[in-house]
N, C-alpha and C. Protein backbone atom coordinates (compact mmCIF):
# COMPACT_ATOMS: atom_id res chain seq x y z
N MET A 1 71.01 55.11 85.36
CA MET A 1 69.83 54.38 85.86
C MET A 1 68.57 55.08 85.35
N GLU A 2 67.64 54.31 84.85
CA GLU A 2 66.41 54.89 84.33
C GLU A 2 65.63 55.58 85.43
N ASN A 3 65.15 56.78 85.13
CA ASN A 3 64.35 57.57 86.06
C ASN A 3 65.11 57.98 87.32
N GLU A 4 66.43 57.94 87.26
CA GLU A 4 67.24 58.34 88.41
C GLU A 4 66.99 59.82 88.73
N GLN A 5 66.89 60.11 90.01
CA GLN A 5 66.69 61.50 90.43
C GLN A 5 67.94 62.32 90.13
N LEU A 6 67.74 63.57 89.75
CA LEU A 6 68.84 64.50 89.58
C LEU A 6 68.36 65.87 90.05
N ARG A 7 69.04 66.42 91.02
CA ARG A 7 68.64 67.71 91.58
C ARG A 7 69.83 68.67 91.59
N VAL A 8 69.54 69.96 91.45
CA VAL A 8 70.58 70.98 91.44
C VAL A 8 70.17 72.13 92.37
N GLY A 9 71.13 72.61 93.15
CA GLY A 9 70.91 73.77 94.01
C GLY A 9 72.02 74.79 93.80
N VAL A 10 71.68 76.07 93.80
CA VAL A 10 72.64 77.14 93.60
C VAL A 10 72.42 78.21 94.66
N ASP A 11 73.52 78.82 95.15
CA ASP A 11 73.37 79.91 96.10
C ASP A 11 74.52 80.91 95.93
N LEU A 12 74.22 82.17 96.24
CA LEU A 12 75.17 83.27 96.11
C LEU A 12 75.19 84.05 97.41
N VAL A 13 76.39 84.37 97.92
CA VAL A 13 76.52 85.06 99.21
C VAL A 13 77.48 86.23 99.08
N ASP A 14 77.11 87.35 99.69
CA ASP A 14 77.97 88.53 99.73
C ASP A 14 79.01 88.32 100.84
N VAL A 15 80.28 88.33 100.49
CA VAL A 15 81.35 88.07 101.46
C VAL A 15 81.34 89.10 102.58
N SER A 16 81.03 90.34 102.27
CA SER A 16 81.03 91.38 103.31
C SER A 16 79.98 91.12 104.37
N HIS A 17 78.88 90.46 103.98
CA HIS A 17 77.84 90.14 104.96
C HIS A 17 78.36 89.11 105.96
N VAL A 18 79.11 88.14 105.48
CA VAL A 18 79.70 87.15 106.37
C VAL A 18 80.73 87.80 107.29
N ALA A 19 81.56 88.67 106.75
CA ALA A 19 82.56 89.36 107.57
C ALA A 19 81.90 90.18 108.67
N GLU A 20 80.80 90.85 108.34
CA GLU A 20 80.10 91.64 109.34
C GLU A 20 79.45 90.76 110.40
N SER A 21 78.98 89.58 110.00
CA SER A 21 78.39 88.65 110.98
C SER A 21 79.45 88.16 111.96
N ILE A 22 80.64 87.90 111.45
CA ILE A 22 81.74 87.47 112.32
C ILE A 22 82.05 88.56 113.34
N THR A 23 82.09 89.81 112.88
CA THR A 23 82.39 90.93 113.77
C THR A 23 81.27 91.14 114.78
N ARG A 24 80.03 91.06 114.32
CA ARG A 24 78.88 91.36 115.19
C ARG A 24 78.58 90.24 116.18
N PHE A 25 78.58 89.00 115.72
CA PHE A 25 78.14 87.90 116.58
C PHE A 25 79.27 86.95 117.00
N GLY A 26 80.42 87.04 116.38
CA GLY A 26 81.57 86.25 116.80
C GLY A 26 81.30 84.75 116.82
N ASP A 27 81.68 84.12 117.92
CA ASP A 27 81.59 82.66 118.01
C ASP A 27 80.15 82.16 117.97
N ARG A 28 79.20 82.98 118.40
CA ARG A 28 77.80 82.54 118.34
C ARG A 28 77.38 82.29 116.91
N TYR A 29 77.85 83.12 116.02
CA TYR A 29 77.57 82.93 114.59
C TYR A 29 78.39 81.77 114.04
N LEU A 30 79.68 81.78 114.30
CA LEU A 30 80.58 80.79 113.73
C LEU A 30 80.23 79.37 114.16
N SER A 31 80.02 79.18 115.46
CA SER A 31 79.76 77.83 115.97
C SER A 31 78.35 77.35 115.65
N ARG A 32 77.46 78.27 115.30
CA ARG A 32 76.09 77.87 114.96
C ARG A 32 75.98 77.41 113.52
N VAL A 33 76.88 77.91 112.67
CA VAL A 33 76.74 77.67 111.24
C VAL A 33 77.81 76.72 110.69
N PHE A 34 79.04 76.80 111.22
CA PHE A 34 80.16 76.07 110.62
C PHE A 34 80.68 74.98 111.57
N THR A 35 81.24 73.91 110.98
CA THR A 35 81.83 72.83 111.76
C THR A 35 83.25 73.22 112.20
N PRO A 36 83.79 72.55 113.21
CA PRO A 36 85.17 72.84 113.63
C PRO A 36 86.18 72.70 112.49
N ASP A 37 86.00 71.70 111.64
CA ASP A 37 86.94 71.52 110.53
C ASP A 37 86.83 72.65 109.51
N GLU A 38 85.62 73.12 109.27
CA GLU A 38 85.46 74.25 108.34
C GLU A 38 86.11 75.50 108.91
N LEU A 39 85.96 75.72 110.20
CA LEU A 39 86.57 76.89 110.83
C LEU A 39 88.09 76.77 110.84
N ALA A 40 88.58 75.55 111.07
CA ALA A 40 90.03 75.34 111.06
C ALA A 40 90.62 75.64 109.69
N TYR A 41 89.92 75.20 108.63
CA TYR A 41 90.43 75.46 107.28
C TYR A 41 90.36 76.95 106.96
N ALA A 42 89.28 77.60 107.37
CA ALA A 42 89.15 79.04 107.09
C ALA A 42 90.17 79.86 107.86
N GLY A 43 90.68 79.31 108.98
CA GLY A 43 91.64 80.05 109.80
C GLY A 43 93.06 79.56 109.66
N ARG A 44 93.33 78.83 108.59
CA ARG A 44 94.65 78.21 108.44
C ARG A 44 95.78 79.23 108.33
N SER A 45 95.47 80.45 107.93
CA SER A 45 96.51 81.48 107.81
C SER A 45 96.69 82.28 109.09
N GLY A 46 95.90 81.96 110.11
CA GLY A 46 95.99 82.67 111.38
C GLY A 46 94.80 83.57 111.64
N THR A 47 94.09 83.97 110.61
CA THR A 47 92.87 84.75 110.75
C THR A 47 91.78 84.12 109.89
N LEU A 48 90.56 84.26 110.33
CA LEU A 48 89.45 83.66 109.59
C LEU A 48 89.25 84.37 108.24
N ASP A 49 89.15 83.58 107.20
CA ASP A 49 88.96 84.10 105.86
C ASP A 49 87.47 84.13 105.55
N ALA A 50 86.90 85.33 105.47
CA ALA A 50 85.46 85.47 105.22
C ALA A 50 85.07 84.92 103.85
N HIS A 51 85.97 85.01 102.87
CA HIS A 51 85.67 84.46 101.54
C HIS A 51 85.44 82.94 101.62
N THR A 52 86.32 82.26 102.36
CA THR A 52 86.19 80.81 102.51
C THR A 52 84.89 80.44 103.20
N LEU A 53 84.56 81.16 104.25
CA LEU A 53 83.33 80.86 104.98
C LEU A 53 82.09 81.20 104.16
N ALA A 54 82.15 82.29 103.39
CA ALA A 54 81.02 82.65 102.55
C ALA A 54 80.76 81.56 101.50
N ALA A 55 81.83 81.02 100.93
CA ALA A 55 81.67 79.94 99.95
C ALA A 55 81.05 78.71 100.60
N ARG A 56 81.42 78.43 101.83
CA ARG A 56 80.86 77.28 102.53
C ARG A 56 79.41 77.50 102.92
N PHE A 57 79.09 78.72 103.29
CA PHE A 57 77.68 79.00 103.58
C PHE A 57 76.85 78.84 102.32
N ALA A 58 77.36 79.31 101.20
CA ALA A 58 76.65 79.16 99.93
C ALA A 58 76.44 77.68 99.61
N ALA A 59 77.45 76.84 99.88
CA ALA A 59 77.33 75.41 99.62
C ALA A 59 76.27 74.77 100.53
N LYS A 60 76.21 75.21 101.77
CA LYS A 60 75.20 74.68 102.70
C LYS A 60 73.80 75.04 102.21
N GLU A 61 73.62 76.29 101.81
CA GLU A 61 72.31 76.71 101.33
C GLU A 61 71.94 76.03 100.02
N ALA A 62 72.91 75.83 99.14
CA ALA A 62 72.64 75.12 97.89
C ALA A 62 72.23 73.68 98.17
N THR A 63 72.86 73.07 99.18
CA THR A 63 72.51 71.70 99.56
C THR A 63 71.10 71.64 100.13
N ILE A 64 70.75 72.62 100.94
CA ILE A 64 69.40 72.66 101.50
C ILE A 64 68.37 72.78 100.38
N LYS A 65 68.69 73.55 99.34
CA LYS A 65 67.78 73.65 98.20
C LYS A 65 67.63 72.30 97.50
N VAL A 66 68.70 71.53 97.46
CA VAL A 66 68.62 70.19 96.87
C VAL A 66 67.76 69.27 97.74
N LEU A 67 67.89 69.40 99.06
CA LEU A 67 67.15 68.53 99.97
C LEU A 67 65.66 68.87 100.03
N ARG A 68 65.33 70.10 99.68
CA ARG A 68 63.93 70.54 99.61
C ARG A 68 63.13 70.21 100.86
N PRO A 69 63.57 70.69 102.01
CA PRO A 69 62.83 70.38 103.24
C PRO A 69 61.43 70.98 103.21
N GLU A 70 60.47 70.20 103.60
CA GLU A 70 59.09 70.68 103.67
C GLU A 70 58.79 71.29 105.03
N GLY A 71 59.55 70.89 106.05
CA GLY A 71 59.38 71.45 107.38
C GLY A 71 60.66 72.12 107.81
N ALA A 72 61.21 71.66 108.93
CA ALA A 72 62.45 72.25 109.44
C ALA A 72 63.62 71.91 108.53
N GLN A 73 64.49 72.87 108.33
CA GLN A 73 65.67 72.60 107.52
C GLN A 73 66.73 71.94 108.39
N PRO A 74 67.67 71.23 107.81
CA PRO A 74 68.72 70.59 108.61
C PRO A 74 69.65 71.62 109.24
N ASP A 75 70.25 71.24 110.34
CA ASP A 75 71.27 72.06 110.98
C ASP A 75 72.36 72.37 109.96
N TRP A 76 72.80 73.64 109.90
CA TRP A 76 73.86 73.98 108.94
C TRP A 76 75.11 73.13 109.14
N ARG A 77 75.39 72.77 110.41
CA ARG A 77 76.60 72.00 110.69
C ARG A 77 76.49 70.54 110.26
N SER A 78 75.28 70.10 109.92
CA SER A 78 75.14 68.73 109.41
C SER A 78 75.46 68.65 107.92
N ILE A 79 75.81 69.79 107.35
CA ILE A 79 76.29 69.88 105.96
C ILE A 79 77.70 70.47 106.01
N GLU A 80 78.69 69.66 105.70
CA GLU A 80 80.09 70.11 105.81
C GLU A 80 80.77 70.08 104.45
N VAL A 81 81.49 71.16 104.15
CA VAL A 81 82.31 71.22 102.95
C VAL A 81 83.73 70.81 103.33
N ARG A 82 84.21 69.77 102.69
CA ARG A 82 85.56 69.27 102.98
C ARG A 82 86.49 69.50 101.80
N ARG A 83 87.65 70.02 102.09
CA ARG A 83 88.66 70.26 101.05
C ARG A 83 89.51 69.02 100.89
N LEU A 84 89.60 68.52 99.67
CA LEU A 84 90.39 67.33 99.38
C LEU A 84 91.83 67.71 99.03
N SER A 85 92.73 66.74 99.12
CA SER A 85 94.14 67.01 98.82
C SER A 85 94.33 67.45 97.37
N SER A 86 93.40 67.07 96.50
CA SER A 86 93.48 67.45 95.08
C SER A 86 93.13 68.91 94.87
N GLY A 87 92.55 69.54 95.91
CA GLY A 87 92.13 70.94 95.79
C GLY A 87 90.64 71.09 95.55
N SER A 88 89.97 70.02 95.18
CA SER A 88 88.53 70.07 94.99
C SER A 88 87.82 69.89 96.34
N CYS A 89 86.52 70.07 96.33
CA CYS A 89 85.74 69.96 97.57
C CYS A 89 84.69 68.86 97.44
N GLU A 90 84.24 68.40 98.58
CA GLU A 90 83.15 67.45 98.62
C GLU A 90 82.19 67.83 99.74
N ILE A 91 80.96 67.36 99.62
CA ILE A 91 79.94 67.58 100.64
C ILE A 91 79.83 66.33 101.51
N ALA A 92 79.86 66.52 102.82
CA ALA A 92 79.66 65.42 103.76
C ALA A 92 78.42 65.73 104.59
N LEU A 93 77.47 64.81 104.60
CA LEU A 93 76.22 65.01 105.34
C LEU A 93 76.21 64.13 106.59
N THR A 94 75.75 64.69 107.68
CA THR A 94 75.60 63.95 108.92
C THR A 94 74.24 64.29 109.53
N ASP A 95 73.87 63.56 110.56
CA ASP A 95 72.69 63.86 111.37
C ASP A 95 71.46 64.16 110.51
N THR A 96 70.81 65.31 110.74
CA THR A 96 69.53 65.58 110.08
C THR A 96 69.65 65.68 108.57
N ALA A 97 70.74 66.26 108.08
CA ALA A 97 70.90 66.37 106.63
C ALA A 97 71.05 64.99 106.00
N SER A 98 71.81 64.11 106.64
CA SER A 98 71.99 62.75 106.15
C SER A 98 70.67 61.99 106.16
N ASP A 99 69.92 62.13 107.26
CA ASP A 99 68.62 61.46 107.36
C ASP A 99 67.67 61.93 106.26
N MET A 100 67.69 63.24 105.99
CA MET A 100 66.81 63.80 104.97
C MET A 100 67.18 63.28 103.58
N ALA A 101 68.48 63.21 103.30
CA ALA A 101 68.94 62.72 102.00
C ALA A 101 68.55 61.25 101.82
N GLN A 102 68.74 60.45 102.86
CA GLN A 102 68.39 59.04 102.76
C GLN A 102 66.90 58.84 102.55
N ALA A 103 66.10 59.64 103.26
CA ALA A 103 64.65 59.52 103.14
C ALA A 103 64.17 59.86 101.73
N GLN A 104 64.93 60.71 101.02
CA GLN A 104 64.56 61.11 99.68
C GLN A 104 65.29 60.31 98.60
N GLY A 105 66.07 59.32 99.02
CA GLY A 105 66.74 58.45 98.06
C GLY A 105 67.96 59.06 97.41
N LEU A 106 68.49 60.16 97.97
CA LEU A 106 69.66 60.82 97.40
C LEU A 106 70.93 60.21 98.00
N ASN A 107 71.81 59.72 97.15
CA ASN A 107 72.99 59.02 97.68
C ASN A 107 74.31 59.50 97.10
N SER A 108 74.28 60.53 96.26
CA SER A 108 75.52 61.02 95.67
C SER A 108 75.43 62.54 95.51
N PHE A 109 76.39 63.25 96.11
CA PHE A 109 76.41 64.71 96.06
C PHE A 109 77.73 65.19 95.48
N ALA A 110 77.66 66.24 94.68
CA ALA A 110 78.86 66.89 94.16
C ALA A 110 78.70 68.39 94.38
N VAL A 111 79.82 69.05 94.71
CA VAL A 111 79.76 70.48 95.01
C VAL A 111 80.89 71.22 94.31
N SER A 112 80.61 72.44 93.92
CA SER A 112 81.63 73.34 93.40
C SER A 112 81.44 74.68 94.06
N VAL A 113 82.52 75.25 94.58
CA VAL A 113 82.45 76.56 95.24
C VAL A 113 83.44 77.51 94.57
N THR A 114 83.11 78.79 94.64
CA THR A 114 84.01 79.79 94.08
C THR A 114 83.78 81.12 94.78
N HIS A 115 84.78 81.98 94.78
CA HIS A 115 84.60 83.34 95.29
C HIS A 115 85.47 84.28 94.49
N GLU A 116 84.92 85.42 94.21
CA GLU A 116 85.59 86.42 93.40
C GLU A 116 85.22 87.79 93.95
N SER A 117 86.22 88.58 94.30
CA SER A 117 85.98 89.90 94.84
C SER A 117 85.09 89.79 96.09
N GLN A 118 83.87 90.31 96.03
CA GLN A 118 83.02 90.32 97.21
C GLN A 118 81.85 89.35 97.13
N MET A 119 81.90 88.38 96.22
CA MET A 119 80.82 87.41 96.13
C MET A 119 81.37 85.99 96.17
N ALA A 120 80.60 85.10 96.79
CA ALA A 120 80.93 83.67 96.81
C ALA A 120 79.71 82.91 96.31
N ALA A 121 79.97 81.83 95.61
CA ALA A 121 78.86 81.06 95.03
C ALA A 121 79.15 79.57 95.13
N SER A 122 78.08 78.80 95.06
CA SER A 122 78.22 77.34 95.07
C SER A 122 77.10 76.70 94.27
N VAL A 123 77.45 75.59 93.63
CA VAL A 123 76.48 74.74 92.94
C VAL A 123 76.59 73.33 93.53
N VAL A 124 75.47 72.74 93.87
CA VAL A 124 75.43 71.38 94.39
C VAL A 124 74.52 70.54 93.51
N VAL A 125 75.03 69.39 93.10
CA VAL A 125 74.25 68.45 92.29
C VAL A 125 74.12 67.15 93.08
N ALA A 126 72.92 66.62 93.13
CA ALA A 126 72.69 65.35 93.83
C ALA A 126 71.90 64.41 92.94
N LYS A 127 72.18 63.12 93.07
CA LYS A 127 71.40 62.13 92.34
C LYS A 127 71.11 60.95 93.26
N GLY A 128 70.14 60.16 92.86
CA GLY A 128 69.77 59.03 93.69
C GLY A 128 68.71 58.18 93.03
N ARG A 129 68.25 57.21 93.76
CA ARG A 129 67.29 56.26 93.21
C ARG A 129 65.94 56.92 93.00
N PRO A 130 65.16 56.46 92.05
CA PRO A 130 63.82 57.01 91.85
C PRO A 130 62.90 56.60 92.99
N LEU A 131 62.03 57.49 93.34
CA LEU A 131 61.06 57.20 94.40
C LEU A 131 59.66 57.33 93.83
N THR A 132 58.84 56.34 94.09
CA THR A 132 57.47 56.40 93.60
C THR A 132 56.64 57.35 94.44
N SER A 133 57.06 57.52 95.69
CA SER A 133 56.36 58.46 96.56
C SER A 133 57.29 58.81 97.70
N LEU A 134 57.11 59.97 98.23
CA LEU A 134 57.89 60.41 99.39
C LEU A 134 57.00 60.31 100.61
N VAL A 135 57.49 59.59 101.60
CA VAL A 135 56.72 59.42 102.82
C VAL A 135 57.12 60.51 103.78
N GLY A 136 56.16 61.20 104.30
CA GLY A 136 56.48 62.25 105.25
C GLY A 136 55.29 63.15 105.43
N THR A 137 55.41 64.00 106.37
CA THR A 137 54.36 64.96 106.64
C THR A 137 54.96 66.34 106.68
N THR A 138 54.19 67.28 106.22
CA THR A 138 54.64 68.65 106.25
C THR A 138 54.31 69.24 107.61
N ASP A 139 55.34 69.78 108.26
CA ASP A 139 55.12 70.39 109.55
C ASP A 139 54.15 71.55 109.42
N GLN A 140 53.23 71.61 110.32
CA GLN A 140 52.32 72.73 110.35
C GLN A 140 52.90 73.80 111.25
N SER A 141 52.65 75.04 110.92
CA SER A 141 53.19 76.13 111.73
C SER A 141 52.65 76.01 113.14
N GLN A 142 53.58 76.02 114.12
CA GLN A 142 53.16 75.98 115.51
C GLN A 142 53.02 77.43 115.93
N SER A 143 51.77 77.90 115.92
CA SER A 143 51.60 79.31 116.20
C SER A 143 50.36 79.56 117.02
N ARG A 144 50.40 80.69 117.70
CA ARG A 144 49.23 81.21 118.34
C ARG A 144 48.91 82.51 117.65
N ASP A 145 47.71 82.98 117.81
CA ASP A 145 47.34 84.21 117.15
C ASP A 145 47.96 85.38 117.88
N ALA A 146 49.15 85.78 117.45
CA ALA A 146 49.84 86.86 118.14
C ALA A 146 49.11 88.18 118.00
N HIS A 147 48.19 88.29 117.03
CA HIS A 147 47.42 89.51 116.91
C HIS A 147 46.56 89.73 118.15
N GLN A 148 46.25 88.63 118.87
CA GLN A 148 45.43 88.74 120.06
C GLN A 148 46.26 89.19 121.27
N MET A 149 47.57 89.24 121.13
CA MET A 149 48.43 89.57 122.26
C MET A 149 48.61 91.07 122.37
N ASP A 150 48.70 91.54 123.57
CA ASP A 150 48.97 92.94 123.81
C ASP A 150 50.48 93.10 123.92
N HIS A 151 51.20 92.87 122.81
CA HIS A 151 52.66 92.89 122.83
C HIS A 151 53.18 93.77 121.70
N THR A 152 52.78 95.03 121.72
CA THR A 152 53.27 95.96 120.71
C THR A 152 54.78 96.04 120.73
N ASP A 153 55.35 95.90 121.95
CA ASP A 153 56.80 95.99 122.08
C ASP A 153 57.49 94.84 121.37
N MET A 154 56.86 93.64 121.32
CA MET A 154 57.46 92.50 120.63
C MET A 154 57.57 92.78 119.14
N TYR A 155 56.50 93.29 118.56
CA TYR A 155 56.52 93.60 117.14
C TYR A 155 57.52 94.70 116.82
N ALA A 156 57.60 95.68 117.73
CA ALA A 156 58.57 96.76 117.53
C ALA A 156 59.99 96.23 117.61
N ALA A 157 60.23 95.30 118.55
CA ALA A 157 61.57 94.72 118.69
C ALA A 157 61.93 93.90 117.45
N ILE A 158 60.97 93.16 116.93
CA ILE A 158 61.23 92.37 115.71
C ILE A 158 61.58 93.29 114.56
N ARG A 159 60.83 94.36 114.41
CA ARG A 159 61.13 95.29 113.32
C ARG A 159 62.47 95.98 113.51
N GLY A 160 62.82 96.22 114.79
CA GLY A 160 64.13 96.81 115.06
C GLY A 160 65.26 95.88 114.64
N VAL A 161 65.10 94.59 114.93
CA VAL A 161 66.10 93.60 114.53
C VAL A 161 66.16 93.51 113.01
N LEU A 162 65.01 93.50 112.37
CA LEU A 162 64.98 93.44 110.91
C LEU A 162 65.64 94.67 110.28
N ARG A 163 65.42 95.82 110.92
CA ARG A 163 66.01 97.05 110.39
C ARG A 163 67.54 96.98 110.46
N GLU A 164 68.07 96.39 111.54
CA GLU A 164 69.51 96.35 111.74
C GLU A 164 70.18 95.19 111.02
N HIS A 165 69.49 94.05 110.93
CA HIS A 165 70.15 92.84 110.44
C HIS A 165 69.49 92.19 109.23
N GLY A 166 68.29 92.62 108.86
CA GLY A 166 67.58 91.95 107.76
C GLY A 166 68.04 92.35 106.38
N ARG A 167 68.82 93.43 106.29
CA ARG A 167 69.33 93.92 105.00
C ARG A 167 68.21 94.09 103.97
N LEU A 168 67.11 94.61 104.43
CA LEU A 168 65.98 94.85 103.54
C LEU A 168 66.16 96.18 102.82
N PRO A 169 65.75 96.26 101.57
CA PRO A 169 65.88 97.51 100.82
C PRO A 169 64.85 98.55 101.22
N ILE A 170 63.89 98.16 102.07
CA ILE A 170 62.88 99.10 102.55
C ILE A 170 62.83 99.05 104.06
N ASP A 171 62.24 100.08 104.66
CA ASP A 171 62.10 100.12 106.11
C ASP A 171 61.07 99.07 106.54
N PRO A 172 61.42 98.21 107.51
CA PRO A 172 60.46 97.20 107.98
C PRO A 172 59.16 97.81 108.48
N ALA A 173 59.19 99.08 108.88
CA ALA A 173 57.97 99.73 109.33
C ALA A 173 56.96 99.86 108.19
N ASP A 174 57.45 99.81 106.96
CA ASP A 174 56.56 99.92 105.80
C ASP A 174 55.96 98.58 105.39
N LEU A 175 56.36 97.51 106.07
CA LEU A 175 55.83 96.18 105.77
C LEU A 175 54.71 95.83 106.74
N SER A 176 53.71 95.14 106.24
CA SER A 176 52.66 94.65 107.13
C SER A 176 53.19 93.46 107.92
N ASP A 177 52.44 93.02 108.92
CA ASP A 177 52.88 91.88 109.73
C ASP A 177 53.01 90.60 108.92
N THR A 178 52.26 90.51 107.83
CA THR A 178 52.23 89.26 107.06
C THR A 178 52.98 89.34 105.73
N ASP A 179 53.57 90.48 105.41
CA ASP A 179 54.35 90.58 104.17
C ASP A 179 55.52 89.62 104.20
N ASP A 180 55.81 88.98 103.09
CA ASP A 180 56.90 88.02 102.98
C ASP A 180 58.24 88.75 102.98
N LEU A 181 59.07 88.48 104.00
CA LEU A 181 60.35 89.17 104.14
C LEU A 181 61.33 88.77 103.05
N PHE A 182 61.24 87.52 102.59
CA PHE A 182 62.15 87.07 101.53
C PHE A 182 61.77 87.71 100.20
N ASP A 183 60.48 87.85 99.94
CA ASP A 183 60.05 88.55 98.75
C ASP A 183 60.46 90.02 98.82
N ALA A 184 60.53 90.55 100.05
CA ALA A 184 60.91 91.95 100.23
C ALA A 184 62.41 92.18 100.08
N GLY A 185 63.19 91.08 100.02
CA GLY A 185 64.62 91.23 99.77
C GLY A 185 65.56 90.64 100.81
N MET A 186 65.03 90.01 101.86
CA MET A 186 65.91 89.41 102.87
C MET A 186 66.53 88.13 102.32
N THR A 187 67.85 87.97 102.47
CA THR A 187 68.53 86.77 101.99
C THR A 187 68.56 85.70 103.08
N SER A 188 68.93 84.49 102.69
CA SER A 188 69.04 83.40 103.67
C SER A 188 70.11 83.70 104.70
N HIS A 189 71.22 84.34 104.28
CA HIS A 189 72.27 84.66 105.24
C HIS A 189 71.81 85.74 106.20
N ALA A 190 71.06 86.72 105.71
CA ALA A 190 70.54 87.76 106.60
C ALA A 190 69.59 87.16 107.63
N SER A 191 68.85 86.12 107.26
CA SER A 191 67.93 85.50 108.21
C SER A 191 68.68 84.84 109.37
N VAL A 192 69.92 84.40 109.13
CA VAL A 192 70.74 83.86 110.22
C VAL A 192 71.05 84.96 111.23
N ASN A 193 71.42 86.14 110.74
CA ASN A 193 71.70 87.27 111.63
C ASN A 193 70.45 87.69 112.39
N VAL A 194 69.31 87.68 111.71
CA VAL A 194 68.06 88.01 112.38
C VAL A 194 67.80 87.02 113.51
N MET A 195 68.00 85.73 113.24
CA MET A 195 67.82 84.70 114.26
C MET A 195 68.72 84.96 115.47
N LEU A 196 70.00 85.21 115.22
CA LEU A 196 70.95 85.41 116.32
C LEU A 196 70.61 86.67 117.12
N ALA A 197 70.20 87.73 116.43
CA ALA A 197 69.85 88.96 117.12
C ALA A 197 68.59 88.80 117.96
N LEU A 198 67.61 88.05 117.45
CA LEU A 198 66.41 87.79 118.23
C LEU A 198 66.72 86.93 119.44
N GLU A 199 67.63 85.98 119.30
CA GLU A 199 68.04 85.16 120.44
C GLU A 199 68.64 86.04 121.53
N GLU A 200 69.46 87.00 121.13
CA GLU A 200 70.04 87.92 122.11
C GLU A 200 68.97 88.78 122.77
N THR A 201 68.08 89.31 121.96
CA THR A 201 67.07 90.24 122.45
C THR A 201 66.10 89.58 123.42
N PHE A 202 65.69 88.36 123.10
CA PHE A 202 64.66 87.69 123.90
C PHE A 202 65.21 86.58 124.79
N ASP A 203 66.55 86.40 124.79
CA ASP A 203 67.20 85.40 125.62
C ASP A 203 66.61 84.01 125.40
N ILE A 204 66.53 83.63 124.14
CA ILE A 204 66.02 82.32 123.76
C ILE A 204 66.96 81.71 122.73
N GLU A 205 66.68 80.49 122.33
CA GLU A 205 67.43 79.85 121.25
C GLU A 205 66.45 79.11 120.35
N PHE A 206 66.53 79.38 119.06
CA PHE A 206 65.67 78.69 118.12
C PHE A 206 66.12 77.24 118.00
N PRO A 207 65.23 76.29 118.28
CA PRO A 207 65.60 74.87 118.13
C PRO A 207 65.66 74.49 116.66
N GLU A 208 66.27 73.36 116.39
CA GLU A 208 66.41 72.90 115.02
C GLU A 208 65.06 72.75 114.33
N SER A 209 64.03 72.38 115.11
CA SER A 209 62.71 72.18 114.51
C SER A 209 62.12 73.47 113.94
N MET A 210 62.65 74.62 114.36
CA MET A 210 62.15 75.90 113.86
C MET A 210 63.03 76.49 112.76
N LEU A 211 64.11 75.80 112.42
CA LEU A 211 64.99 76.32 111.38
C LEU A 211 64.42 76.00 110.01
N ARG A 212 63.43 76.76 109.64
CA ARG A 212 62.77 76.61 108.36
C ARG A 212 62.36 77.98 107.86
N LYS A 213 62.22 78.08 106.59
CA LYS A 213 61.93 79.38 105.98
C LYS A 213 60.66 80.00 106.55
N GLN A 214 59.66 79.16 106.82
CA GLN A 214 58.39 79.68 107.29
C GLN A 214 58.51 80.44 108.61
N THR A 215 59.47 80.06 109.45
CA THR A 215 59.65 80.72 110.74
C THR A 215 60.06 82.17 110.57
N PHE A 216 60.80 82.46 109.50
CA PHE A 216 61.39 83.78 109.32
C PHE A 216 60.76 84.56 108.16
N GLU A 217 59.63 84.10 107.65
CA GLU A 217 59.12 84.69 106.41
C GLU A 217 58.32 85.96 106.62
N SER A 218 57.94 86.28 107.85
CA SER A 218 57.18 87.51 108.09
C SER A 218 57.33 87.93 109.55
N VAL A 219 56.96 89.16 109.82
CA VAL A 219 56.96 89.65 111.20
C VAL A 219 56.01 88.80 112.03
N GLN A 220 54.86 88.46 111.46
CA GLN A 220 53.89 87.64 112.18
C GLN A 220 54.46 86.26 112.52
N ALA A 221 55.13 85.64 111.55
CA ALA A 221 55.70 84.32 111.79
C ALA A 221 56.76 84.38 112.89
N LEU A 222 57.57 85.42 112.88
CA LEU A 222 58.58 85.58 113.92
C LEU A 222 57.93 85.79 115.28
N ALA A 223 56.88 86.58 115.33
CA ALA A 223 56.18 86.80 116.59
C ALA A 223 55.58 85.50 117.11
N ASP A 224 54.99 84.71 116.21
CA ASP A 224 54.43 83.42 116.62
C ASP A 224 55.52 82.51 117.21
N ALA A 225 56.69 82.51 116.56
CA ALA A 225 57.79 81.68 117.05
C ALA A 225 58.25 82.15 118.42
N LEU A 226 58.34 83.47 118.59
CA LEU A 226 58.80 84.00 119.88
C LEU A 226 57.79 83.71 120.99
N VAL A 227 56.50 83.79 120.68
CA VAL A 227 55.48 83.44 121.66
C VAL A 227 55.66 82.00 122.12
N SER A 228 55.91 81.12 121.16
CA SER A 228 56.09 79.71 121.48
C SER A 228 57.33 79.49 122.34
N LEU A 229 58.43 80.19 122.00
CA LEU A 229 59.69 79.98 122.69
C LEU A 229 59.75 80.65 124.07
N THR A 230 59.07 81.78 124.20
CA THR A 230 59.11 82.49 125.48
C THR A 230 57.99 82.09 126.43
N GLY A 231 57.00 81.35 125.88
CA GLY A 231 55.89 80.94 126.72
C GLY A 231 54.97 82.09 127.08
N THR A 232 55.02 83.16 126.28
CA THR A 232 54.19 84.32 126.55
C THR A 232 52.72 83.97 126.36
N GLY A 233 51.89 84.38 127.28
CA GLY A 233 50.47 84.07 127.20
C GLY A 233 49.75 84.95 126.21
N VAL A 234 48.60 84.49 125.80
CA VAL A 234 47.76 85.24 124.89
C VAL A 234 46.74 86.02 125.69
N ALA A 235 46.63 87.30 125.38
CA ALA A 235 45.70 88.14 126.10
C ALA A 235 44.27 87.71 125.85
N CYS A 236 43.46 87.73 126.90
CA CYS A 236 42.05 87.37 126.76
C CYS A 236 41.27 88.54 126.18
């Protein structure tokens, strides 16, 4: 088809990071990221195979790159990797991921996953009808000026979580509040662990509307999100 859209997404995941997430967060991690069918396939031998799950996480992230969300990203569970009887895999989209694909005119997805030693990778290709314009609005950051808050402990707690789960090559104490954590070396999978650890620490849950890169891109952004979720007031 003339002017047909064609998009490609690629992602790479360290299998050991997934294995450590399973050990550290257990079902909170597994049920937040993977569908029941994905977990059933990964556990078909009696124990969960971290390689299989890492490949599926890579496929989910590659799909999100294809969908190019401007605001909140789709729930990871709305992107499912299904194993076919032929041995190949396919991507099945539901809920928010399906809605996003339809809104962007994408109607055909293909996926390839692989894992070797301690790395898993996936490539996702999508195509669809040409669009003369995309209708939508970019979500604006829902934030308060956390710099005005007398919450030194909140910033310290965020840095503590980043130190333990962010897998940054440098100490978070050496980063400013606004330094980009992804530019500093945090991966998309590490951001999931950061999210889960912050939920434990502050007894909150990040809603789907906050599952976007901007929420986790800096200490300041995380503090703004926590202020919103905890209802913490701003100091006068």
